[in-house]
PDB file of all heavy atoms in Angstrom:
ATOM      1  N   ILE A   1     101.709 100.729 107.799  1.00  0.00           N
ATOM      2  CA  ILE A   1     100.268 100.886 107.589  1.00  0.00           C
ATOM      3  C   ILE A   1     100.052 100.877 106.083  1.00  0.00           C
ATOM      4  O   ILE A   1     100.535 101.762 105.374  1.00  0.00           O
ATOM      5  CB  ILE A   1      99.739 102.195 108.198  1.00  0.00           C
ATOM      6  CG1 ILE A   1      99.897 102.179 109.722  1.00  0.00           C
ATOM      7  CG2 ILE A   1      98.266 102.400 107.824  1.00  0.00           C
ATOM      8  CD1 ILE A   1      99.507 103.490 110.402  1.00  0.00           C
ATOM      9  N   PHE A   2      99.402  99.838 105.584  1.00  0.00           N
ATOM     10  CA  PHE A   2      99.143  99.763 104.152  1.00  0.00           C
ATOM     11  C   PHE A   2      98.011 100.717 103.776  1.00  0.00           C
ATOM     12  O   PHE A   2      97.013 100.833 104.485  1.00  0.00           O
ATOM     13  CB  PHE A   2      98.762  98.337 103.747  1.00  0.00           C
ATOM     14  CG  PHE A   2      99.922  97.385 103.714  1.00  0.00           C
ATOM     15  CD1 PHE A   2     100.070  96.402 104.674  1.00  0.00           C
ATOM     16  CD2 PHE A   2     100.870  97.466 102.703  1.00  0.00           C
ATOM     17  CE1 PHE A   2     101.138  95.518 104.642  1.00  0.00           C
ATOM     18  CE2 PHE A   2     101.948  96.592 102.657  1.00  0.00           C
ATOM     19  CZ  PHE A   2     102.079  95.622 103.630  1.00  0.00           C
ATOM     20  N   THR A   3      98.189 101.407 102.665  1.00  0.00           N
ATOM     21  CA  THR A   3      97.145 102.283 102.128  1.00  0.00           C
ATOM     22  C   THR A   3      96.940 101.890 100.674  1.00  0.00           C
ATOM     23  O   THR A   3      97.864 101.974  99.866  1.00  0.00           O
ATOM     24  CB  THR A   3      97.553 103.765 102.222  1.00  0.00           C
ATOM     25  OG1 THR A   3      98.786 103.970 101.519  1.00  0.00           O
ATOM     26  CG2 THR A   3      97.737 104.186 103.669  1.00  0.00           C
ATOM     27  N   THR A   4      95.754 101.446 100.321  1.00  0.00           N
ATOM     28  CA  THR A   4      95.524 100.904  98.984  1.00  0.00           C
ATOM     29  C   THR A   4      94.086 101.102  98.551  1.00  0.00           C
ATOM     30  O   THR A   4      93.199 101.310  99.394  1.00  0.00           O
ATOM     31  CB  THR A   4      95.877  99.406  98.956  1.00  0.00           C
ATOM     32  OG1 THR A   4      95.604  98.859  97.672  1.00  0.00           O
ATOM     33  CG2 THR A   4      95.089  98.641  99.996  1.00  0.00           C
ATOM     34  N   ALA A   5      93.866 101.036  97.263  1.00  0.00           N
ATOM     35  CA  ALA A   5      92.509 101.170  96.719  1.00  0.00           C
ATOM     36  C   ALA A   5      91.799  99.825  96.661  1.00  0.00           C
ATOM     37  O   ALA A   5      90.620  99.760  96.306  1.00  0.00           O
ATOM     38  CB  ALA A   5      92.583 101.785  95.321  1.00  0.00           C
ATOM     39  N   TYR A   6      92.492  98.735  96.984  1.00  0.00           N
ATOM     40  CA  TYR A   6      91.923  97.394  96.841  1.00  0.00           C
ATOM     41  C   TYR A   6      91.959  96.652  98.171  1.00  0.00           C
ATOM     42  O   TYR A   6      92.884  96.820  98.957  1.00  0.00           O
ATOM     43  CB  TYR A   6      92.711  96.597  95.796  1.00  0.00           C
ATOM     44  CG  TYR A   6      92.875  97.330  94.480  1.00  0.00           C
ATOM     45  CD1 TYR A   6      94.065  98.002  94.201  1.00  0.00           C
ATOM     46  CD2 TYR A   6      91.849  97.367  93.552  1.00  0.00           C
ATOM     47  CE1 TYR A   6      94.222  98.688  93.000  1.00  0.00           C
ATOM     48  CE2 TYR A   6      91.992  98.055  92.357  1.00  0.00           C
ATOM     49  CZ  TYR A   6      93.182  98.714  92.084  1.00  0.00           C
ATOM     50  OH  TYR A   6      93.329  99.406  90.914  1.00  0.00           O
ATOM     51  N   ASP A   7      90.961  95.803  98.399  1.00  0.00           N
ATOM     52  CA  ASP A   7      90.930  95.040  99.648  1.00  0.00           C
ATOM     53  C   ASP A   7      91.434  93.615  99.471  1.00  0.00           C
ATOM     54  O   ASP A   7      91.428  92.821 100.407  1.00  0.00           O
ATOM     55  CB  ASP A   7      89.521  95.021 100.231  1.00  0.00           C
ATOM     56  CG  ASP A   7      88.495  94.369  99.291  1.00  0.00           C
ATOM     57  OD1 ASP A   7      88.903  93.865  98.211  1.00  0.00           O
ATOM     58  OD2 ASP A   7      87.293  94.366  99.624  1.00  0.00           O
ATOM     59  N   ALA A   8      91.950  93.272  98.284  1.00  0.00           N
ATOM     60  CA  ALA A   8      92.329  91.886  97.985  1.00  0.00           C
ATOM     61  C   ALA A   8      93.495  91.395  98.833  1.00  0.00           C
ATOM     62  O   ALA A   8      93.654  90.195  99.035  1.00  0.00           O
ATOM     63  CB  ALA A   8      92.671  91.750  96.502  1.00  0.00           C
ATOM     64  N   HIS A   9      94.342  92.310  99.310  1.00  0.00           N
ATOM     65  CA  HIS A   9      95.548  91.901 100.048  1.00  0.00           C
ATOM     66  C   HIS A   9      95.395  92.014 101.561  1.00  0.00           C
ATOM     67  O   HIS A   9      96.373  91.872 102.289  1.00  0.00           O
ATOM     68  CB  HIS A   9      96.736  92.757  99.615  1.00  0.00           C
ATOM     69  CG  HIS A   9      97.053  92.669  98.156  1.00  0.00           C
ATOM     70  ND1 HIS A   9      97.638  91.556  97.588  1.00  0.00           N
ATOM     71  CD2 HIS A   9      96.862  93.560  97.147  1.00  0.00           C
ATOM     72  CE1 HIS A   9      97.800  91.761  96.290  1.00  0.00           C
ATOM     73  NE2 HIS A   9      97.338  92.963  96.003  1.00  0.00           N
ATOM     74  N   ALA A  10      94.181  92.274 102.034  1.00  0.00           N
ATOM     75  CA  ALA A  10      94.008  92.568 103.458  1.00  0.00           C
ATOM     76  C   ALA A  10      94.437  91.411 104.352  1.00  0.00           C
ATOM     77  O   ALA A  10      95.145  91.604 105.341  1.00  0.00           O
ATOM     78  CB  ALA A  10      92.547  92.931 103.732  1.00  0.00           C
ATOM     79  N   ILE A  11      94.033  90.191 104.017  1.00  0.00           N
ATOM     80  CA  ILE A  11      94.377  89.042 104.864  1.00  0.00           C
ATOM     81  C   ILE A  11      95.884  88.872 104.922  1.00  0.00           C
ATOM     82  O   ILE A  11      96.470  88.679 105.994  1.00  0.00           O
ATOM     83  CB  ILE A  11      93.703  87.760 104.338  1.00  0.00           C
ATOM     84  CG1 ILE A  11      92.180  87.878 104.489  1.00  0.00           C
ATOM     85  CG2 ILE A  11      94.228  86.539 105.083  1.00  0.00           C
ATOM     86  CD1 ILE A  11      91.424  86.689 103.942  1.00  0.00           C
ATOM     87  N   ARG A  12      96.540  88.966 103.773  1.00  0.00           N
ATOM     88  CA  ARG A  12      97.993  88.814 103.734  1.00  0.00           C
ATOM     89  C   ARG A  12      98.680  89.892 104.562  1.00  0.00           C
ATOM     90  O   ARG A  12      99.654  89.628 105.268  1.00  0.00           O
ATOM     91  CB  ARG A  12      98.464  88.882 102.283  1.00  0.00           C
ATOM     92  CG  ARG A  12      99.950  88.618 102.104  1.00  0.00           C
ATOM     93  CD  ARG A  12     100.311  88.664 100.634  1.00  0.00           C
ATOM     94  NE  ARG A  12     101.733  88.452 100.442  1.00  0.00           N
ATOM     95  CZ  ARG A  12     102.356  88.624  99.286  1.00  0.00           C
ATOM     96  NH1 ARG A  12     101.668  88.994  98.224  1.00  0.00           N
ATOM     97  NH2 ARG A  12     103.646  88.428  99.185  1.00  0.00           N
ATOM     98  N   ALA A  13      98.166  91.118 104.500  1.00  0.00           N
ATOM     99  CA  ALA A  13      98.761  92.217 105.258  1.00  0.00           C
ATOM    100  C   ALA A  13      98.706  91.961 106.762  1.00  0.00           C
ATOM    101  O   ALA A  13      99.670  92.200 107.479  1.00  0.00           O
ATOM    102  CB  ALA A  13      98.048  93.526 104.931  1.00  0.00           C
ATOM    103  N   PHE A  14      97.573  91.450 107.243  1.00  0.00           N
ATOM    104  CA  PHE A  14      97.471  91.195 108.677  1.00  0.00           C
ATOM    105  C   PHE A  14      98.248  89.949 109.087  1.00  0.00           C
ATOM    106  O   PHE A  14      98.706  89.848 110.225  1.00  0.00           O
ATOM    107  CB  PHE A  14      96.001  91.076 109.086  1.00  0.00           C
ATOM    108  CG  PHE A  14      95.300  92.405 109.133  1.00  0.00           C
ATOM    109  CD1 PHE A  14      94.270  92.698 108.262  1.00  0.00           C
ATOM    110  CD2 PHE A  14      95.696  93.382 110.033  1.00  0.00           C
ATOM    111  CE1 PHE A  14      93.634  93.934 108.286  1.00  0.00           C
ATOM    112  CE2 PHE A  14      95.062  94.626 110.075  1.00  0.00           C
ATOM    113  CZ  PHE A  14      94.034  94.899 109.196  1.00  0.00           C
ATOM    114  N   GLU A  15      98.433  89.003 108.158  1.00  0.00           N
ATOM    115  CA  GLU A  15      99.260  87.836 108.465  1.00  0.00           C
ATOM    116  C   GLU A  15     100.698  88.231 108.771  1.00  0.00           C
ATOM    117  O   GLU A  15     101.392  87.563 109.533  1.00  0.00           O
ATOM    118  CB  GLU A  15      99.231  86.849 107.289  1.00  0.00           C
ATOM    119  CG  GLU A  15      97.964  86.017 107.225  1.00  0.00           C
ATOM    120  CD  GLU A  15      97.992  85.037 106.065  1.00  0.00           C
ATOM    121  OE1 GLU A  15      98.831  85.214 105.162  1.00  0.00           O
ATOM    122  OE2 GLU A  15      97.182  84.108 106.069  1.00  0.00           O
ATOM    123  N   ILE A  16     101.178  89.306 108.144  1.00  0.00           N
ATOM    124  CA  ILE A  16     102.564  89.729 108.379  1.00  0.00           C
ATOM    125  C   ILE A  16     102.663  90.756 109.511  1.00  0.00           C
ATOM    126  O   ILE A  16     103.689  91.382 109.706  1.00  0.00           O
ATOM    127  CB  ILE A  16     103.201  90.304 107.104  1.00  0.00           C
ATOM    128  CG1 ILE A  16     102.521  91.613 106.702  1.00  0.00           C
ATOM    129  CG2 ILE A  16     103.156  89.311 105.970  1.00  0.00           C
ATOM    130  CD1 ILE A  16     103.236  92.353 105.602  1.00  0.00           C
ATOM    131  N   ASN A  17     101.563  90.938 110.237  1.00  0.00           N
ATOM    132  CA  ASN A  17     101.556  91.824 111.403  1.00  0.00           C
ATOM    133  C   ASN A  17     101.688  93.300 111.047  1.00  0.00           C
ATOM    134  O   ASN A  17     102.306  94.069 111.787  1.00  0.00           O
ATOM    135  CB  ASN A  17     102.653  91.437 112.410  1.00  0.00           C
ATOM    136  CG  ASN A  17     102.411  90.070 113.018  1.00  0.00           C
ATOM    137  OD1 ASN A  17     101.268  89.700 113.274  1.00  0.00           O
ATOM    138  ND2 ASN A  17     103.463  89.315 113.221  1.00  0.00           N
ATOM    139  N   ALA A  18     101.138  93.707 109.903  1.00  0.00           N
ATOM    140  CA  ALA A  18     101.057  95.131 109.614  1.00  0.00           C
ATOM    141  C   ALA A  18     100.154  95.790 110.658  1.00  0.00           C
ATOM    142  O   ALA A  18      99.246  95.154 111.204  1.00  0.00           O
ATOM    143  CB  ALA A  18     100.479  95.351 108.218  1.00  0.00           C
ATOM    144  N   LEU A  19     100.419  97.063 110.946  1.00  0.00           N
ATOM    145  CA  LEU A  19      99.597  97.749 111.952  1.00  0.00           C
ATOM    146  C   LEU A  19      98.154  97.873 111.510  1.00  0.00           C
ATOM    147  O   LEU A  19      97.228  97.722 112.306  1.00  0.00           O
ATOM    148  CB  LEU A  19     100.170  99.145 112.226  1.00  0.00           C
ATOM    149  CG  LEU A  19     101.512  99.206 112.952  1.00  0.00           C
ATOM    150  CD1 LEU A  19     101.958 100.650 113.095  1.00  0.00           C
ATOM    151  CD2 LEU A  19     101.420  98.550 114.325  1.00  0.00           C
ATOM    152  N   ASP A  20      97.950  98.151 110.221  1.00  0.00           N
ATOM    153  CA  ASP A  20      96.583  98.322 109.725  1.00  0.00           C
ATOM    154  C   ASP A  20      96.590  98.290 108.198  1.00  0.00           C
ATOM    155  O   ASP A  20      97.652  98.323 107.560  1.00  0.00           O
ATOM    156  CB  ASP A  20      95.971  99.639 110.224  1.00  0.00           C
ATOM    157  CG  ASP A  20      94.456  99.517 110.447  1.00  0.00           C
ATOM    158  OD1 ASP A  20      93.820  98.723 109.732  1.00  0.00           O
ATOM    159  OD2 ASP A  20      93.935 100.215 111.335  1.00  0.00           O
ATOM    160  N   TYR A  21      95.386  98.247 107.640  1.00  0.00           N
ATOM    161  CA  TYR A  21      95.191  98.155 106.191  1.00  0.00           C
ATOM    162  C   TYR A  21      94.070  99.135 105.856  1.00  0.00           C
ATOM    163  O   TYR A  21      92.904  98.868 106.143  1.00  0.00           O
ATOM    164  CB  TYR A  21      94.800  96.718 105.840  1.00  0.00           C
ATOM    165  CG  TYR A  21      94.724  96.400 104.371  1.00  0.00           C
ATOM    166  CD1 TYR A  21      95.810  95.823 103.718  1.00  0.00           C
ATOM    167  CD2 TYR A  21      93.563  96.628 103.646  1.00  0.00           C
ATOM    168  CE1 TYR A  21      95.744  95.491 102.373  1.00  0.00           C
ATOM    169  CE2 TYR A  21      93.488  96.306 102.304  1.00  0.00           C
ATOM    170  CZ  TYR A  21      94.571  95.733 101.670  1.00  0.00           C
ATOM    171  OH  TYR A  21      94.505  95.411 100.336  1.00  0.00           O
ATOM    172  N   LEU A  22      94.448 100.293 105.316  1.00  0.00           N
ATOM    173  CA  LEU A  22      93.484 101.360 105.083  1.00  0.00           C
ATOM    174  C   LEU A  22      93.139 101.455 103.605  1.00  0.00           C
ATOM    175  O   LEU A  22      94.018 101.490 102.747  1.00  0.00           O
ATOM    176  CB  LEU A  22      94.054 102.699 105.560  1.00  0.00           C
ATOM    177  CG  LEU A  22      94.565 102.761 107.007  1.00  0.00           C
ATOM    178  CD1 LEU A  22      95.045 104.162 107.338  1.00  0.00           C
ATOM    179  CD2 LEU A  22      93.498 102.294 107.982  1.00  0.00           C
ATOM    180  N   LEU A  23      91.844 101.510 103.324  1.00  0.00           N
ATOM    181  CA  LEU A  23      91.390 101.682 101.953  1.00  0.00           C
ATOM    182  C   LEU A  23      91.305 103.168 101.624  1.00  0.00           C
ATOM    183  O   LEU A  23      90.886 103.985 102.450  1.00  0.00           O
ATOM    184  CB  LEU A  23      90.017 101.025 101.763  1.00  0.00           C
ATOM    185  CG  LEU A  23      89.986  99.491 101.838  1.00  0.00           C
ATOM    186  CD1 LEU A  23      88.554  98.990 101.714  1.00  0.00           C
ATOM    187  CD2 LEU A  23      90.862  98.876 100.761  1.00  0.00           C
ATOM    188  N   LYS A  24      91.731 103.530 100.417  1.00  0.00           N
ATOM    189  CA  LYS A  24      91.641 104.913  99.948  1.00  0.00           C
ATOM    190  C   LYS A  24      90.196 105.229  99.543  1.00  0.00           C
ATOM    191  O   LYS A  24      89.493 104.363  99.038  1.00  0.00           O
ATOM    192  CB  LYS A  24      92.560 105.130  98.744  1.00  0.00           C
ATOM    193  CG  LYS A  24      94.027 104.815  98.988  1.00  0.00           C
ATOM    194  CD  LYS A  24      94.789 104.913  97.674  1.00  0.00           C
ATOM    195  CE  LYS A  24      96.234 104.490  97.820  1.00  0.00           C
ATOM    196  NZ  LYS A  24      96.953 104.496  96.528  1.00  0.00           N
ATOM    197  N   PRO A  25      89.764 106.464  99.744  1.00  0.00           N
ATOM    198  CA  PRO A  25      90.489 107.542 100.436  1.00  0.00           C
ATOM    199  C   PRO A  25      90.516 107.313 101.947  1.00  0.00           C
ATOM    200  O   PRO A  25      89.522 106.892 102.529  1.00  0.00           O
ATOM    201  CB  PRO A  25      89.681 108.789 100.075  1.00  0.00           C
ATOM    202  CG  PRO A  25      88.287 108.274  99.853  1.00  0.00           C
ATOM    203  CD  PRO A  25      88.442 106.914  99.244  1.00  0.00           C
ATOM    204  N   VAL A  26      91.669 107.580 102.562  1.00  0.00           N
ATOM    205  CA  VAL A  26      91.853 107.347 103.995  1.00  0.00           C
ATOM    206  C   VAL A  26      91.084 108.396 104.785  1.00  0.00           C
ATOM    207  O   VAL A  26      91.203 109.593 104.521  1.00  0.00           O
ATOM    208  CB  VAL A  26      93.350 107.392 104.359  1.00  0.00           C
ATOM    209  CG1 VAL A  26      93.545 107.245 105.860  1.00  0.00           C
ATOM    210  CG2 VAL A  26      94.103 106.295 103.618  1.00  0.00           C
TER     211      VAL A  26
END
């Protein structure tokens, strides 16, 4: 589960089948 302050990598994260992409604060 990616946790980040930026949304720039969201598409790439889901392409690799990450469970989710959460923006901080979670």
